[in-house]
Amino acid sequence: MDVACAAWNSNGEAMNERIRELMIQSMVEVAGHGDVQKTYQRFAELLIKECAKICDDIGKQARKDWKSKYDPLDDGRCNGAWECEETIKEHFGVEE
């Protein structure tokens, strides 16, 4: 897979920089194996983990905001974000 090709989407538009970084990371991690399927699989895993991390970060921030404004009880936003994280990983079969 050519790095230059990985930096553009099917419409010829520049992809989000983070997506490009994840694609390059997957290519580096699988380098030497010559297996495009493994590169795609690793890219998908990295992308899914990135999405799950966003949910986790939202949950942590919501909990921090909630505790600083009210009491230590969770108002549901935190659990919702963490549930989102776990659901994304389970749906795609990605582990920590």
Protein backbone atom coordinates (compact mmCIF):
# COMPACT_ATOMS: atom_id res chain seq x y z
CA MET A 1 0.00 0.00 0.00
CA ASP A 2 1.36 3.38 -0.93
CA VAL A 3 1.44 6.04 1.81
CA ALA A 4 0.49 8.72 -0.70
CA CYS A 5 -2.66 6.78 -1.61
CA ALA A 6 -3.56 6.28 2.04
CA ALA A 7 -3.61 10.04 2.59
CA TRP A 8 -6.55 10.63 0.21
CA ASN A 9 -10.13 9.43 0.25
CA SER A 10 -12.02 8.06 -2.76
CA ASN A 11 -13.06 11.57 -3.82
CA GLY A 12 -9.46 12.73 -3.96
CA GLU A 13 -9.93 14.92 -0.88
CA ALA A 14 -7.40 15.02 1.94
CA MET A 15 -8.42 12.79 4.84
CA ASN A 16 -8.47 13.87 8.44
CA GLU A 17 -4.87 14.01 9.69
CA ARG A 18 -5.56 11.57 12.53
CA ILE A 19 -6.96 8.97 10.11
CA ARG A 20 -3.85 9.38 7.99
CA GLU A 21 -1.64 8.93 11.06
CA LEU A 22 -3.51 5.74 12.01
CA MET A 23 -3.14 4.37 8.48
CA ILE A 24 0.60 5.04 8.52
CA GLN A 25 0.90 3.50 11.99
CA SER A 26 -0.87 0.34 10.80
CA MET A 27 1.44 0.15 7.79
CA VAL A 28 4.53 0.50 9.99
CA GLU A 29 3.33 -2.08 12.52
CA VAL A 30 2.60 -4.66 9.81
CA ALA A 31 5.64 -3.73 7.67
CA GLY A 32 7.64 -6.63 6.34
CA HIS A 33 4.72 -9.03 6.34
CA GLY A 34 3.56 -7.97 2.89
CA ASP A 35 0.00 -8.71 3.91
CA VAL A 36 -2.42 -5.97 2.87
CA GLN A 37 -5.27 -7.70 4.72
CA LYS A 38 -3.32 -7.50 8.01
CA THR A 39 -2.62 -3.82 7.37
CA TYR A 40 -6.32 -3.12 6.82
CA GLN A 41 -7.24 -5.14 9.90
CA ARG A 42 -4.73 -3.28 12.07
CA PHE A 43 -5.95 0.07 10.72
CA ALA A 44 -9.54 -0.87 11.59
CA GLU A 45 -8.49 -1.90 15.11
CA LEU A 46 -6.63 1.38 15.65
CA LEU A 47 -9.57 3.41 14.33
CA ILE A 48 -12.07 1.58 16.55
CA LYS A 49 -9.86 2.00 19.61
CA GLU A 50 -9.58 5.71 18.82
CA CYS A 51 -13.39 6.01 18.70
CA ALA A 52 -13.75 4.10 21.97
CA LYS A 53 -11.14 6.34 23.60
CA ILE A 54 -13.15 9.41 22.62
CA CYS A 55 -16.16 7.96 24.46
CA ASP A 56 -13.97 7.20 27.47
CA ASP A 57 -12.57 10.74 27.47
CA ILE A 58 -16.09 12.21 27.30
CA GLY A 59 -17.14 10.03 30.24
CA LYS A 60 -14.15 11.11 32.31
CA GLN A 61 -14.77 14.78 31.56
CA ALA A 62 -18.50 14.45 32.30
CA ARG A 63 -17.73 12.81 35.64
CA LYS A 64 -15.18 15.52 36.48
CA ASP A 65 -17.64 18.29 35.54
CA TRP A 66 -20.48 16.65 37.45
CA LYS A 67 -18.44 16.15 40.63
CA SER A 68 -17.15 19.70 40.60
CA LYS A 69 -20.64 21.20 40.18
CA TYR A 70 -22.85 18.85 42.18
CA ASP A 71 -22.16 15.74 44.19
CA PRO A 72 -20.19 12.57 43.45
CA LEU A 73 -23.27 10.77 42.16
CA ASP A 74 -23.24 10.05 38.44
CA ASP A 75 -26.03 11.71 36.47
CA GLY A 76 -25.93 9.10 33.71
CA ARG A 77 -23.81 11.01 31.19
CA CYS A 78 -20.65 9.30 32.43
CA ASN A 79 -22.14 5.83 32.24
CA GLY A 80 -23.55 6.58 28.81
CA ALA A 81 -20.14 7.52 27.46
CA TRP A 82 -18.49 4.45 28.96
CA GLU A 83 -21.31 2.25 27.68
CA CYS A 84 -20.67 3.74 24.24
CA GLU A 85 -16.98 2.85 24.52
CA GLU A 86 -17.69 -0.76 25.46
CA THR A 87 -20.42 -1.16 22.84
CA ILE A 88 -18.14 0.07 20.05
CA LYS A 89 -15.36 -2.35 21.06
CA GLU A 90 -17.76 -5.29 21.51
CA HIS A 91 -19.53 -4.58 18.21
CA PHE A 92 -16.25 -4.78 16.28
CA GLY A 93 -14.64 -7.47 18.44
CA VAL A 94 -11.76 -5.26 19.57
CA GLU A 95 -10.17 -5.79 22.96
CA GLU A 96 -8.14 -3.37 25.06
